[in-house]
């Protein structure tokens, strides 16, 4: 009997024998949902932080430009 595998782009990624049952999202979809939410929140924080740094720098340049008058 052949064990089913999880495939990513046609190549076997994980054999079911290597991980416990609880890590397979088809059995418990909330695990996949929680992982997706975690990834989205992390990416959102990184992008938000980058945008925030750019905005702070722009505001600083504008304030310096107005106060110094150059």
PDB file of N, CA and C in Angstrom:
ATOM      1  N   UNK A   1       0.840  -1.189   0.000  1.00  0.00           N
ATOM      2  CA  UNK A   1       0.000   0.000   0.000  1.00  0.00           C
ATOM      3  C   UNK A   1       0.883   1.250   0.000  1.00  0.00           C
ATOM      4  N   UNK A   2       0.549   2.188  -0.889  1.00  0.00           N
ATOM      5  CA  UNK A   2       1.349   3.408  -0.997  1.00  0.00           C
ATOM      6  C   UNK A   2       0.759   4.506  -0.131  1.00  0.00           C
ATOM      7  N   UNK A   3       1.622   5.207   0.613  1.00  0.00           N
ATOM      8  CA  UNK A   3       1.138   6.297   1.457  1.00  0.00           C
ATOM      9  C   UNK A   3       0.871   7.545   0.616  1.00  0.00           C
ATOM     10  N   UNK A   4      -0.230   8.239   0.896  1.00  0.00           N
ATOM     11  CA  UNK A   4      -0.467   9.493   0.162  1.00  0.00           C
ATOM     12  C   UNK A   4       0.535  10.564   0.580  1.00  0.00           C
ATOM     13  N   UNK A   5       0.883  11.414  -0.365  1.00  0.00           N
ATOM     14  CA  UNK A   5       1.847  12.473  -0.071  1.00  0.00           C
ATOM     15  C   UNK A   5       1.216  13.824  -0.352  1.00  0.00           C
ATOM     16  N   UNK A   6       1.777  14.839   0.281  1.00  0.00           N
ATOM     17  CA  UNK A   6       1.384  16.215  -0.001  1.00  0.00           C
ATOM     18  C   UNK A   6       2.299  16.699  -1.112  1.00  0.00           C
ATOM     19  N   UNK A   7       1.728  17.215  -2.202  1.00  0.00           N
ATOM     20  CA  UNK A   7       2.541  17.600  -3.347  1.00  0.00           C
ATOM     21  C   UNK A   7       2.537  19.100  -3.534  1.00  0.00           C
ATOM     22  N   UNK A   8       3.700  19.636  -3.858  1.00  0.00           N
ATOM     23  CA  UNK A   8       3.844  21.053  -4.164  1.00  0.00           C
ATOM     24  C   UNK A   8       4.531  21.129  -5.518  1.00  0.00           C
ATOM     25  N   UNK A   9       3.818  21.633  -6.510  1.00  0.00           N
ATOM     26  CA  UNK A   9       4.327  21.748  -7.882  1.00  0.00           C
ATOM     27  C   UNK A   9       4.816  20.398  -8.405  1.00  0.00           C
ATOM     28  N   UNK A  10       4.073  19.349  -8.091  1.00  0.00           N
ATOM     29  CA  UNK A  10       4.370  18.034  -8.648  1.00  0.00           C
ATOM     30  C   UNK A  10       5.440  17.247  -7.924  1.00  0.00           C
ATOM     31  N   UNK A  11       6.085  17.818  -6.921  1.00  0.00           N
ATOM     32  CA  UNK A  11       7.117  17.076  -6.199  1.00  0.00           C
ATOM     33  C   UNK A  11       6.599  16.737  -4.807  1.00  0.00           C
ATOM     34  N   UNK A  12       6.873  15.541  -4.332  1.00  0.00           N
ATOM     35  CA  UNK A  12       6.391  15.190  -2.989  1.00  0.00           C
ATOM     36  C   UNK A  12       7.067  16.057  -1.931  1.00  0.00           C
ATOM     37  N   UNK A  13       6.255  16.718  -1.114  1.00  0.00           N
ATOM     38  CA  UNK A  13       6.785  17.649  -0.115  1.00  0.00           C
ATOM     39  C   UNK A  13       6.938  16.957   1.237  1.00  0.00           C
ATOM     40  N   UNK A  14       5.878  16.338   1.689  1.00  0.00           N
ATOM     41  CA  UNK A  14       5.909  15.656   2.985  1.00  0.00           C
ATOM     42  C   UNK A  14       5.185  14.322   2.871  1.00  0.00           C
ATOM     43  N   UNK A  15       5.765  13.307   3.431  1.00  0.00           N
ATOM     44  CA  UNK A  15       5.049  12.045   3.549  1.00  0.00           C
ATOM     45  C   UNK A  15       4.236  12.073   4.830  1.00  0.00           C
ATOM     46  N   UNK A  16       3.084  11.449   4.793  1.00  0.00           N
ATOM     47  CA  UNK A  16       2.236  11.447   5.982  1.00  0.00           C
ATOM     48  C   UNK A  16       2.931  10.785   7.164  1.00  0.00           C
ATOM     49  N   UNK A  17       3.868   9.923   6.895  1.00  0.00           N
ATOM     50  CA  UNK A  17       4.537   9.230   7.979  1.00  0.00           C
ATOM     51  C   UNK A  17       5.423  10.187   8.790  1.00  0.00           C
ATOM     52  N   UNK A  18       5.858  11.295   8.183  1.00  0.00           N
ATOM     53  CA  UNK A  18       6.830  12.159   8.848  1.00  0.00           C
ATOM     54  C   UNK A  18       6.197  13.111   9.850  1.00  0.00           C
ATOM     55  N   UNK A  19       4.923  13.441   9.696  1.00  0.00           N
ATOM     56  CA  UNK A  19       4.275  14.391  10.596  1.00  0.00           C
ATOM     57  C   UNK A  19       3.048  13.770  11.243  1.00  0.00           C
ATOM     58  N   UNK A  20       2.711  14.222  12.448  1.00  0.00           N
ATOM     59  CA  UNK A  20       1.493  13.720  13.084  1.00  0.00           C
ATOM     60  C   UNK A  20       0.246  14.132  12.299  1.00  0.00           C
ATOM     61  N   UNK A  21      -0.838  13.440  12.542  1.00  0.00           N
ATOM     62  CA  UNK A  21      -2.097  13.700  11.836  1.00  0.00           C
ATOM     63  C   UNK A  21      -2.575  15.136  11.992  1.00  0.00           C
ATOM     64  N   UNK A  22      -2.318  15.748  13.138  1.00  0.00           N
ATOM     65  CA  UNK A  22      -2.912  17.055  13.411  1.00  0.00           C
ATOM     66  C   UNK A  22      -2.365  18.156  12.519  1.00  0.00           C
ATOM     67  N   UNK A  23      -1.238  17.931  11.834  1.00  0.00           N
ATOM     68  CA  UNK A  23      -0.665  18.985  11.010  1.00  0.00           C
ATOM     69  C   UNK A  23      -1.219  18.999   9.588  1.00  0.00           C
ATOM     70  N   UNK A  24      -2.121  18.101   9.266  1.00  0.00           N
ATOM     71  CA  UNK A  24      -2.647  18.071   7.905  1.00  0.00           C
ATOM     72  C   UNK A  24      -3.954  18.828   7.842  1.00  0.00           C
ATOM     73  N   UNK A  25      -3.976  19.913   7.046  1.00  0.00           N
ATOM     74  CA  UNK A  25      -5.119  20.831   7.081  1.00  0.00           C
ATOM     75  C   UNK A  25      -6.418  20.238   6.558  1.00  0.00           C
ATOM     76  N   UNK A  26      -6.366  19.156   5.756  1.00  0.00           N
ATOM     77  CA  UNK A  26      -7.636  18.610   5.272  1.00  0.00           C
ATOM     78  C   UNK A  26      -8.437  17.959   6.404  1.00  0.00           C
ATOM     79  N   UNK A  27      -7.751  17.579   7.473  1.00  0.00           N
ATOM     80  CA  UNK A  27      -8.460  17.024   8.621  1.00  0.00           C
ATOM     81  C   UNK A  27      -9.004  18.129   9.516  1.00  0.00           C
ATOM     82  N   UNK A  28      -8.201  19.184   9.721  1.00  0.00           N
ATOM     83  CA  UNK A  28      -8.595  20.299  10.592  1.00  0.00           C
ATOM     84  C   UNK A  28      -8.346  21.609   9.858  1.00  0.00           C
ATOM     85  N   UNK A  29      -9.341  22.141   9.186  1.00  0.00           N
ATOM     86  CA  UNK A  29      -9.114  23.330   8.362  1.00  0.00           C
ATOM     87  C   UNK A  29      -8.754  24.580   9.160  1.00  0.00           C
ATOM     88  N   UNK A  30      -9.041  24.603  10.463  1.00  0.00           N
ATOM     89  CA  UNK A  30      -8.740  25.812  11.241  1.00  0.00           C
ATOM     90  C   UNK A  30      -7.246  26.035  11.389  1.00  0.00           C
ATOM     91  N   UNK A  31      -6.450  24.964  11.296  1.00  0.00           N
ATOM     92  CA  UNK A  31      -4.993  25.130  11.384  1.00  0.00           C
ATOM     93  C   UNK A  31      -4.494  25.903  10.168  1.00  0.00           C
ATOM     94  N   UNK A  32      -4.978  25.519   8.980  1.00  0.00           N
ATOM     95  CA  UNK A  32      -4.582  26.229   7.762  1.00  0.00           C
ATOM     96  C   UNK A  32      -5.057  27.668   7.807  1.00  0.00           C
ATOM     97  N   UNK A  33      -6.258  27.886   8.327  1.00  0.00           N
ATOM     98  CA  UNK A  33      -6.793  29.247   8.424  1.00  0.00           C
ATOM     99  C   UNK A  33      -5.939  30.080   9.374  1.00  0.00           C
ATOM    100  N   UNK A  34      -5.579  29.519  10.514  1.00  0.00           N
ATOM    101  CA  UNK A  34      -4.766  30.257  11.487  1.00  0.00           C
ATOM    102  C   UNK A  34      -3.386  30.588  10.911  1.00  0.00           C
ATOM    103  N   UNK A  35      -2.796  29.653  10.176  1.00  0.00           N
ATOM    104  CA  UNK A  35      -1.488  29.912   9.570  1.00  0.00           C
ATOM    105  C   UNK A  35      -1.590  31.008   8.512  1.00  0.00           C
ATOM    106  N   UNK A  36      -2.666  30.976   7.716  1.00  0.00           N
ATOM    107  CA  UNK A  36      -2.851  32.011   6.688  1.00  0.00           C
ATOM    108  C   UNK A  36      -3.031  33.387   7.323  1.00  0.00           C
ATOM    109  N   UNK A  37      -3.811  33.453   8.398  1.00  0.00           N
ATOM    110  CA  UNK A  37      -4.028  34.727   9.092  1.00  0.00           C
ATOM    111  C   UNK A  37      -2.708  35.233   9.672  1.00  0.00           C
ATOM    112  N   UNK A  38      -1.919  34.335  10.248  1.00  0.00           N
ATOM    113  CA  UNK A  38      -0.635  34.733  10.819  1.00  0.00           C
ATOM    114  C   UNK A  38       0.294  35.305   9.755  1.00  0.00           C
ATOM    115  N   UNK A  39       0.345  34.654   8.593  1.00  0.00           N
ATOM    116  CA  UNK A  39       1.190  35.144   7.499  1.00  0.00           C
ATOM    117  C   UNK A  39       0.707  36.504   7.023  1.00  0.00           C
ATOM    118  N   UNK A  40      -0.608  36.662   6.864  1.00  0.00           N
ATOM    119  CA  UNK A  40      -1.154  37.942   6.397  1.00  0.00           C
ATOM    120  C   UNK A  40      -0.871  39.062   7.393  1.00  0.00           C
ATOM    121  N   UNK A  41      -1.026  38.772   8.683  1.00  0.00           N
ATOM    122  CA  UNK A  41      -0.759  39.800   9.701  1.00  0.00           C
ATOM    123  C   UNK A  41       0.720  40.189   9.692  1.00  0.00           C
ATOM    124  N   UNK A  42       1.604  39.207   9.578  1.00  0.00           N
ATOM    125  CA  UNK A  42       3.043  39.494   9.558  1.00  0.00           C
ATOM    126  C   UNK A  42       3.411  40.357   8.352  1.00  0.00           C
ATOM    127  N   UNK A  43       2.908  39.973   7.175  1.00  0.00           N
ATOM    128  CA  UNK A  43       3.198  40.751   5.968  1.00  0.00           C
ATOM    129  C   UNK A  43       2.616  42.158   6.096  1.00  0.00           C
ATOM    130  N   UNK A  44       1.412  42.262   6.651  1.00  0.00           N
ATOM    131  CA  UNK A  44       0.786  43.569   6.834  1.00  0.00           C
ATOM    132  C   UNK A  44       1.590  44.461   7.757  1.00  0.00           C
ATOM    133  N   UNK A  45       2.116  43.891   8.833  1.00  0.00           N
ATOM    134  CA  UNK A  45       2.935  44.683   9.754  1.00  0.00           C
ATOM    135  C   UNK A  45       4.235  45.132   9.108  1.00  0.00           C
ATOM    136  N   UNK A  46       4.856  44.245   8.322  1.00  0.00           N
ATOM    137  CA  UNK A  46       6.103  44.623   7.653  1.00  0.00           C
ATOM    138  C   UNK A  46       5.869  45.745   6.647  1.00  0.00           C
ATOM    139  N   UNK A  47       4.822  45.600   5.831  1.00  0.00           N
ATOM    140  CA  UNK A  47       4.523  46.628   4.828  1.00  0.00           C
ATOM    141  C   UNK A  47       4.116  47.925   5.517  1.00  0.00           C
ATOM    142  N   UNK A  48       3.288  47.820   6.555  1.00  0.00           N
ATOM    143  CA  UNK A  48       2.866  49.006   7.288  1.00  0.00           C
ATOM    144  C   UNK A  48       4.033  49.724   7.938  1.00  0.00           C
ATOM    145  N   UNK A  49       4.983  48.968   8.468  1.00  0.00           N
ATOM    146  CA  UNK A  49       6.161  49.569   9.070  1.00  0.00           C
ATOM    147  C   UNK A  49       7.009  50.302   8.044  1.00  0.00           C
ATOM    148  N   UNK A  50       7.166  49.705   6.864  1.00  0.00           N
ATOM    149  CA  UNK A  50       7.949  50.354   5.806  1.00  0.00           C
ATOM    150  C   UNK A  50       7.277  51.646   5.347  1.00  0.00           C
ATOM    151  N   UNK A  51       5.959  51.586   5.140  1.00  0.00           N
ATOM    152  CA  UNK A  51       5.219  52.789   4.722  1.00  0.00           C
ATOM    153  C   UNK A  51       5.290  53.850   5.810  1.00  0.00           C
ATOM    154  N   UNK A  52       5.169  53.432   7.075  1.00  0.00           N
ATOM    155  CA  UNK A  52       5.242  54.374   8.187  1.00  0.00           C
ATOM    156  C   UNK A  52       6.592  55.071   8.255  1.00  0.00           C
ATOM    157  N   UNK A  53       7.675  54.320   8.029  1.00  0.00           N
ATOM    158  CA  UNK A  53       9.002  54.938   8.060  1.00  0.00           C
ATOM    159  C   UNK A  53       9.150  55.975   6.952  1.00  0.00           C
ATOM    160  N   UNK A  54       8.649  55.661   5.766  1.00  0.00           N
ATOM    161  CA  UNK A  54       8.726  56.613   4.652  1.00  0.00           C
ATOM    162  C   UNK A  54       7.919  57.864   4.979  1.00  0.00           C
ATOM    163  N   UNK A  55       6.730  57.700   5.542  1.00  0.00           N
ATOM    164  CA  UNK A  55       5.897  58.858   5.874  1.00  0.00           C
ATOM    165  C   UNK A  55       6.556  59.724   6.950  1.00  0.00           C
ATOM    166  N   UNK A  56       7.145  59.100   7.963  1.00  0.00           N
ATOM    167  CA  UNK A  56       7.817  59.868   9.018  1.00  0.00           C
ATOM    168  C   UNK A  56       8.978  60.663   8.437  1.00  0.00           C
ATOM    169  N   UNK A  57       9.722  60.063   7.527  1.00  0.00           N
ATOM    170  CA  UNK A  57      10.848  60.775   6.913  1.00  0.00           C
ATOM    171  C   UNK A  57      10.347  61.953   6.074  1.00  0.00           C
ATOM    172  N   UNK A  58       9.269  61.733   5.316  1.00  0.00           N
ATOM    173  CA  UNK A  58       8.722  62.818   4.500  1.00  0.00           C
ATOM    174  C   UNK A  58       8.230  63.977   5.371  1.00  0.00           C
ATOM    175  N   UNK A  59       7.532  63.653   6.446  1.00  0.00           N
ATOM    176  CA  UNK A  59       7.028  64.700   7.345  1.00  0.00           C
ATOM    177  C   UNK A  59       8.202  65.436   7.982  1.00  0.00           C
ATOM    178  N   UNK A  60       9.250  64.723   8.353  1.00  0.00           N
ATOM    179  CA  UNK A  60      10.430  65.361   8.936  1.00  0.00           C
ATOM    180  C   UNK A  60      11.092  66.310   7.960  1.00  0.00           C
ATOM    181  N   UNK A  61      11.205  65.909   6.703  1.00  0.00           N
ATOM    182  CA  UNK A  61      11.792  66.777   5.686  1.00  0.00           C
ATOM    183  C   UNK A  61      10.929  68.016   5.498  1.00  0.00           C
ATOM    184  N   UNK A  62       9.596  67.845   5.448  1.00  0.00           N
ATOM    185  CA  UNK A  62       8.698  68.988   5.270  1.00  0.00           C
ATOM    186  C   UNK A  62       8.792  69.957   6.455  1.00  0.00           C
ATOM    187  N   UNK A  63       8.805  69.415   7.679  1.00  0.00           N
ATOM    188  CA  UNK A  63       8.889  70.264   8.868  1.00  0.00           C
ATOM    189  C   UNK A  63      10.212  71.024   8.874  1.00  0.00           C
ATOM    190  N   UNK A  64      11.300  70.357   8.543  1.00  0.00           N
ATOM    191  CA  UNK A  64      12.604  71.024   8.500  1.00  0.00           C
ATOM    192  C   UNK A  64      12.606  72.101   7.421  1.00  0.00           C
ATOM    193  N   UNK A  65      12.004  71.801   6.298  1.00  0.00           N
ATOM    194  CA  UNK A  65      11.953  72.759   5.197  1.00  0.00           C
ATOM    195  C   UNK A  65      11.183  74.022   5.612  1.00  0.00           C
ATOM    196  N   UNK A  66      10.070  73.823   6.330  1.00  0.00           N
ATOM    197  CA  UNK A  66       9.248  74.965   6.742  1.00  0.00           C
ATOM    198  C   UNK A  66       9.942  75.750   7.856  1.00  0.00           C
ATOM    199  N   UNK A  67      10.510  75.055   8.842  1.00  0.00           N
ATOM    200  CA  UNK A  67      11.083  75.762   9.998  1.00  0.00           C
ATOM    201  C   UNK A  67      12.387  76.457   9.648  1.00  0.00           C
ATOM    202  N   UNK A  68      13.217  75.824   8.829  1.00  0.00           N
ATOM    203  CA  UNK A  68      14.493  76.438   8.471  1.00  0.00           C
ATOM    204  C   UNK A  68      14.266  77.488   7.369  1.00  0.00           C
ATOM    205  N   UNK A  69      13.307  77.238   6.506  1.00  0.00           N
ATOM    206  CA  UNK A  69      12.959  78.193   5.469  1.00  0.00           C
ATOM    207  C   UNK A  69      13.884  78.162   4.279  1.00  0.00           C
ATOM    208  N   UNK A  70      14.458  76.963   4.008  1.00  0.00           N
ATOM    209  CA  UNK A  70      15.323  76.864   2.830  1.00  0.00           C
ATOM    210  C   UNK A  70      14.587  76.172   1.701  1.00  0.00           C
TER     211      UNK A  70
END
